[in-house]
Amino acid sequence: MQKIQLGNTRFPLGTLLFTRGVNDRAAEDEAFMGFVSNSLNRHSQADWGDVCNEDKKLNDQALNEGSRLLSAYEKQGLPKLWIITEWDRSATTVLFPDEY
């Protein structure tokens, strides 16, 4: 898998983790790897992607209160991704929804 370059982040991501499914797909599919990288950058900038408005508001509150952050990203022709940053910002996991 290629290296992911992150710009300035709005919050600590902690250790970056990928589930086996995401890791395996990214290793064999350059377009998917680009989608993962772009999604992580969006998540780190508090762009919560394709979650409902209520979840966006909860994430905005969580930035200040120290709760878990959940983003979801979709791109035509690629599987949906979830990105979860733990409440203590110790880890961020990239996964497929069915791996939760």
N, C-alpha and C. Protein backbone atom coordinates (compact mmCIF):
# COMPACT_ATOMS: atom_id res chain seq x y z
N MET A 1 0.84 -1.17 0.00
CA MET A 1 0.00 0.00 0.00
C MET A 1 0.89 1.24 0.00
N GLN A 2 0.50 2.24 -0.79
CA GLN A 2 1.27 3.47 -0.86
C GLN A 2 1.13 4.26 0.43
N LYS A 3 2.05 5.18 0.66
CA LYS A 3 2.03 6.00 1.86
C LYS A 3 0.93 7.05 1.75
N ILE A 4 0.25 7.28 2.85
CA ILE A 4 -0.80 8.29 2.89
C ILE A 4 -0.22 9.58 3.43
N GLN A 5 -0.43 10.66 2.70
CA GLN A 5 0.04 11.98 3.11
C GLN A 5 -1.14 12.76 3.66
N LEU A 6 -1.03 13.18 4.91
CA LEU A 6 -2.07 13.98 5.52
C LEU A 6 -1.58 15.40 5.70
N GLY A 7 -2.44 16.37 5.42
CA GLY A 7 -2.12 17.76 5.67
C GLY A 7 -2.33 18.07 7.14
N ASN A 8 -2.52 19.34 7.45
CA ASN A 8 -2.84 19.73 8.82
C ASN A 8 -4.18 19.13 9.20
N THR A 9 -4.25 18.60 10.40
CA THR A 9 -5.48 17.97 10.86
C THR A 9 -6.13 18.84 11.94
N ARG A 10 -7.45 18.75 12.04
CA ARG A 10 -8.19 19.52 13.05
C ARG A 10 -8.19 18.84 14.41
N PHE A 11 -7.77 17.57 14.45
CA PHE A 11 -7.74 16.82 15.70
C PHE A 11 -6.74 15.69 15.52
N PRO A 12 -6.18 15.16 16.62
CA PRO A 12 -5.24 14.04 16.52
C PRO A 12 -5.94 12.78 16.02
N LEU A 13 -5.28 12.07 15.12
CA LEU A 13 -5.82 10.81 14.61
C LEU A 13 -5.31 9.61 15.40
N GLY A 14 -4.23 9.78 16.15
CA GLY A 14 -3.65 8.66 16.86
C GLY A 14 -3.05 7.65 15.89
N THR A 15 -2.99 6.41 16.29
CA THR A 15 -2.49 5.34 15.43
C THR A 15 -3.49 5.09 14.31
N LEU A 16 -3.00 5.04 13.09
CA LEU A 16 -3.86 4.81 11.93
C LEU A 16 -3.94 3.32 11.66
N LEU A 17 -5.16 2.78 11.67
CA LEU A 17 -5.39 1.35 11.50
C LEU A 17 -6.31 1.09 10.31
N PHE A 18 -6.07 -0.02 9.63
CA PHE A 18 -6.91 -0.45 8.51
C PHE A 18 -7.35 -1.88 8.79
N THR A 19 -8.60 -2.17 8.55
CA THR A 19 -9.03 -3.56 8.67
C THR A 19 -8.38 -4.36 7.54
N ARG A 20 -8.40 -5.67 7.68
CA ARG A 20 -7.80 -6.53 6.65
C ARG A 20 -8.47 -6.30 5.29
N GLY A 21 -9.80 -6.18 5.30
CA GLY A 21 -10.52 -5.98 4.04
C GLY A 21 -10.10 -4.71 3.32
N VAL A 22 -10.01 -3.61 4.05
CA VAL A 22 -9.58 -2.33 3.46
C VAL A 22 -8.13 -2.42 3.01
N ASN A 23 -7.28 -2.97 3.85
CA ASN A 23 -5.86 -3.09 3.51
C ASN A 23 -5.66 -3.92 2.24
N ASP A 24 -6.34 -5.06 2.16
CA ASP A 24 -6.17 -5.94 0.99
C ASP A 24 -6.67 -5.27 -0.28
N ARG A 25 -7.81 -4.60 -0.20
CA ARG A 25 -8.36 -3.92 -1.38
C ARG A 25 -7.44 -2.78 -1.81
N ALA A 26 -6.93 -2.00 -0.86
CA ALA A 26 -6.05 -0.88 -1.19
C ALA A 26 -4.74 -1.36 -1.81
N ALA A 27 -4.26 -2.52 -1.37
CA ALA A 27 -3.00 -3.06 -1.91
C ALA A 27 -3.13 -3.46 -3.37
N GLU A 28 -4.33 -3.81 -3.80
CA GLU A 28 -4.50 -4.30 -5.17
C GLU A 28 -5.22 -3.32 -6.10
N ASP A 29 -5.73 -2.21 -5.56
CA ASP A 29 -6.56 -1.29 -6.34
C ASP A 29 -6.12 0.15 -6.09
N GLU A 30 -5.37 0.71 -7.04
CA GLU A 30 -4.83 2.06 -6.89
C GLU A 30 -5.94 3.11 -6.75
N ALA A 31 -7.03 2.97 -7.49
CA ALA A 31 -8.14 3.92 -7.39
C ALA A 31 -8.76 3.89 -5.99
N PHE A 32 -8.90 2.69 -5.43
CA PHE A 32 -9.44 2.57 -4.09
C PHE A 32 -8.48 3.19 -3.07
N MET A 33 -7.18 2.97 -3.25
CA MET A 33 -6.20 3.56 -2.34
C MET A 33 -6.30 5.08 -2.36
N GLY A 34 -6.48 5.66 -3.53
CA GLY A 34 -6.66 7.10 -3.62
C GLY A 34 -7.91 7.56 -2.88
N PHE A 35 -8.97 6.77 -2.98
CA PHE A 35 -10.23 7.06 -2.28
C PHE A 35 -10.00 7.01 -0.76
N VAL A 36 -9.26 6.02 -0.29
CA VAL A 36 -8.96 5.91 1.14
C VAL A 36 -8.17 7.14 1.60
N SER A 37 -7.15 7.50 0.85
CA SER A 37 -6.32 8.64 1.22
C SER A 37 -7.14 9.93 1.25
N ASN A 38 -7.94 10.15 0.23
CA ASN A 38 -8.79 11.34 0.17
C ASN A 38 -9.79 11.35 1.33
N SER A 39 -10.37 10.21 1.62
CA SER A 39 -11.34 10.12 2.71
C SER A 39 -10.69 10.43 4.06
N LEU A 40 -9.50 9.92 4.29
CA LEU A 40 -8.79 10.21 5.54
C LEU A 40 -8.48 11.70 5.66
N ASN A 41 -8.09 12.31 4.58
CA ASN A 41 -7.83 13.76 4.61
C ASN A 41 -9.11 14.52 4.93
N ARG A 42 -10.22 14.13 4.31
CA ARG A 42 -11.49 14.79 4.60
C ARG A 42 -11.87 14.61 6.07
N HIS A 43 -11.75 13.39 6.57
CA HIS A 43 -12.08 13.11 7.96
C HIS A 43 -11.23 13.97 8.90
N SER A 44 -9.95 14.06 8.63
CA SER A 44 -9.04 14.81 9.50
C SER A 44 -9.31 16.31 9.48
N GLN A 45 -10.05 16.76 8.46
CA GLN A 45 -10.42 18.18 8.36
C GLN A 45 -11.84 18.44 8.85
N ALA A 46 -12.45 17.44 9.49
CA ALA A 46 -13.82 17.52 10.02
C ALA A 46 -14.86 17.64 8.91
N ASP A 47 -14.56 17.06 7.76
CA ASP A 47 -15.54 16.90 6.68
C ASP A 47 -16.06 15.47 6.85
N TRP A 48 -17.24 15.34 7.40
CA TRP A 48 -17.75 14.04 7.82
C TRP A 48 -18.32 13.20 6.69
N GLY A 49 -18.29 13.72 5.48
CA GLY A 49 -18.68 12.92 4.34
C GLY A 49 -20.17 12.67 4.24
N ASP A 50 -20.53 11.42 4.03
CA ASP A 50 -21.89 11.01 3.70
C ASP A 50 -22.67 10.48 4.90
N VAL A 51 -22.56 11.17 6.03
CA VAL A 51 -23.40 10.82 7.18
C VAL A 51 -24.57 11.80 7.21
N CYS A 52 -25.62 11.45 7.92
CA CYS A 52 -26.80 12.32 8.01
C CYS A 52 -26.46 13.59 8.79
N ASN A 53 -27.31 14.59 8.66
CA ASN A 53 -27.07 15.87 9.33
C ASN A 53 -26.97 15.74 10.84
N GLU A 54 -27.78 14.86 11.42
CA GLU A 54 -27.72 14.64 12.86
C GLU A 54 -26.34 14.11 13.28
N ASP A 55 -25.81 13.16 12.52
CA ASP A 55 -24.47 12.61 12.83
C ASP A 55 -23.38 13.66 12.62
N LYS A 56 -23.55 14.53 11.64
CA LYS A 56 -22.59 15.62 11.44
C LYS A 56 -22.57 16.53 12.67
N LYS A 57 -23.75 16.86 13.18
CA LYS A 57 -23.84 17.70 14.38
C LYS A 57 -23.21 17.01 15.59
N LEU A 58 -23.47 15.71 15.73
CA LEU A 58 -22.86 14.95 16.82
C LEU A 58 -21.34 14.95 16.72
N ASN A 59 -20.81 14.79 15.50
CA ASN A 59 -19.36 14.84 15.31
C ASN A 59 -18.80 16.21 15.67
N ASP A 60 -19.50 17.27 15.26
CA ASP A 60 -19.04 18.62 15.59
C ASP A 60 -18.98 18.81 17.10
N GLN A 61 -19.99 18.30 17.82
CA GLN A 61 -19.99 18.37 19.28
C GLN A 61 -18.85 17.52 19.86
N ALA A 62 -18.62 16.37 19.26
CA ALA A 62 -17.58 15.45 19.75
C ALA A 62 -16.19 16.06 19.64
N LEU A 63 -15.98 16.94 18.69
CA LEU A 63 -14.68 17.61 18.58
C LEU A 63 -14.37 18.37 19.86
N ASN A 64 -15.37 18.98 20.46
CA ASN A 64 -15.18 19.77 21.68
C ASN A 64 -15.29 18.95 22.95
N GLU A 65 -16.10 17.90 22.91
CA GLU A 65 -16.39 17.13 24.11
C GLU A 65 -15.54 15.88 24.27
N GLY A 66 -14.80 15.52 23.24
CA GLY A 66 -13.95 14.34 23.33
C GLY A 66 -14.68 13.02 23.15
N SER A 67 -15.67 12.99 22.28
CA SER A 67 -16.38 11.76 21.98
C SER A 67 -15.85 11.16 20.67
N ARG A 68 -16.30 9.95 20.38
CA ARG A 68 -15.89 9.25 19.17
C ARG A 68 -16.40 9.98 17.93
N LEU A 69 -15.60 9.94 16.86
CA LEU A 69 -15.95 10.56 15.58
C LEU A 69 -16.17 9.48 14.54
N LEU A 70 -17.24 9.63 13.76
CA LEU A 70 -17.54 8.66 12.70
C LEU A 70 -17.84 9.39 11.40
N SER A 71 -17.09 9.05 10.37
CA SER A 71 -17.34 9.57 9.03
C SER A 71 -17.67 8.42 8.10
N ALA A 72 -18.36 8.73 7.01
CA ALA A 72 -18.67 7.74 5.99
C ALA A 72 -18.46 8.39 4.63
N TYR A 73 -17.88 7.64 3.71
CA TYR A 73 -17.58 8.18 2.38
C TYR A 73 -17.99 7.19 1.31
N GLU A 74 -18.56 7.74 0.26
CA GLU A 74 -18.99 6.92 -0.87
C GLU A 74 -18.46 7.54 -2.15
N LYS A 75 -18.09 6.68 -3.08
CA LYS A 75 -17.67 7.09 -4.41
C LYS A 75 -18.16 6.03 -5.38
N GLN A 76 -18.77 6.47 -6.45
CA GLN A 76 -19.35 5.53 -7.41
C GLN A 76 -18.31 4.52 -7.88
N GLY A 77 -18.70 3.26 -7.87
CA GLY A 77 -17.84 2.18 -8.33
C GLY A 77 -16.90 1.63 -7.27
N LEU A 78 -16.92 2.24 -6.07
CA LEU A 78 -16.05 1.77 -4.99
C LEU A 78 -16.91 1.49 -3.75
N PRO A 79 -16.42 0.59 -2.88
CA PRO A 79 -17.20 0.28 -1.68
C PRO A 79 -17.20 1.45 -0.69
N LYS A 80 -18.28 1.56 0.06
CA LYS A 80 -18.41 2.59 1.09
C LYS A 80 -17.38 2.36 2.19
N LEU A 81 -16.85 3.47 2.72
CA LEU A 81 -15.88 3.42 3.82
C LEU A 81 -16.44 4.10 5.05
N TRP A 82 -16.08 3.58 6.19
CA TRP A 82 -16.28 4.27 7.46
C TRP A 82 -14.91 4.58 8.03
N ILE A 83 -14.81 5.71 8.69
CA ILE A 83 -13.60 6.07 9.42
C ILE A 83 -14.02 6.46 10.82
N ILE A 84 -13.42 5.81 11.81
CA ILE A 84 -13.76 6.04 13.21
C ILE A 84 -12.51 6.47 13.97
N THR A 85 -12.59 7.63 14.63
CA THR A 85 -11.54 8.06 15.54
C THR A 85 -12.07 7.90 16.95
N GLU A 86 -11.29 7.22 17.78
CA GLU A 86 -11.71 6.91 19.15
C GLU A 86 -11.85 8.18 19.99
N TRP A 87 -12.64 8.09 21.04
CA TRP A 87 -12.95 9.24 21.90
C TRP A 87 -11.70 9.92 22.44
N ASP A 88 -10.66 9.12 22.75
CA ASP A 88 -9.43 9.68 23.32
C ASP A 88 -8.40 10.05 22.26
N ARG A 89 -8.79 9.92 20.98
CA ARG A 89 -7.95 10.25 19.82
C ARG A 89 -6.68 9.40 19.77
N SER A 90 -6.75 8.21 20.36
CA SER A 90 -5.60 7.30 20.38
C SER A 90 -5.46 6.51 19.09
N ALA A 91 -6.55 6.36 18.34
CA ALA A 91 -6.53 5.55 17.12
C ALA A 91 -7.65 5.98 16.17
N THR A 92 -7.36 5.82 14.89
CA THR A 92 -8.35 6.02 13.84
C THR A 92 -8.35 4.78 12.98
N THR A 93 -9.53 4.22 12.76
CA THR A 93 -9.66 2.98 12.00
C THR A 93 -10.46 3.22 10.73
N VAL A 94 -9.95 2.69 9.62
CA VAL A 94 -10.63 2.73 8.34
C VAL A 94 -11.18 1.33 8.08
N LEU A 95 -12.49 1.24 7.81
CA LEU A 95 -13.12 -0.06 7.68
C LEU A 95 -14.30 0.00 6.73
N PHE A 96 -14.73 -1.17 6.28
CA PHE A 96 -15.98 -1.30 5.55
C PHE A 96 -17.09 -1.43 6.60
N PRO A 97 -18.29 -0.89 6.31
CA PRO A 97 -19.39 -0.99 7.30
C PRO A 97 -19.65 -2.42 7.78
N ASP A 98 -19.53 -3.41 6.91
CA ASP A 98 -19.81 -4.79 7.33
C ASP A 98 -18.69 -5.37 8.20
N GLU A 99 -17.61 -4.63 8.39
CA GLU A 99 -16.53 -5.09 9.26
C GLU A 99 -16.67 -4.53 10.68
N TYR A 100 -17.69 -3.74 10.93
CA TYR A 100 -17.87 -3.11 12.24
C TYR A 100 -18.33 -4.12 13.27
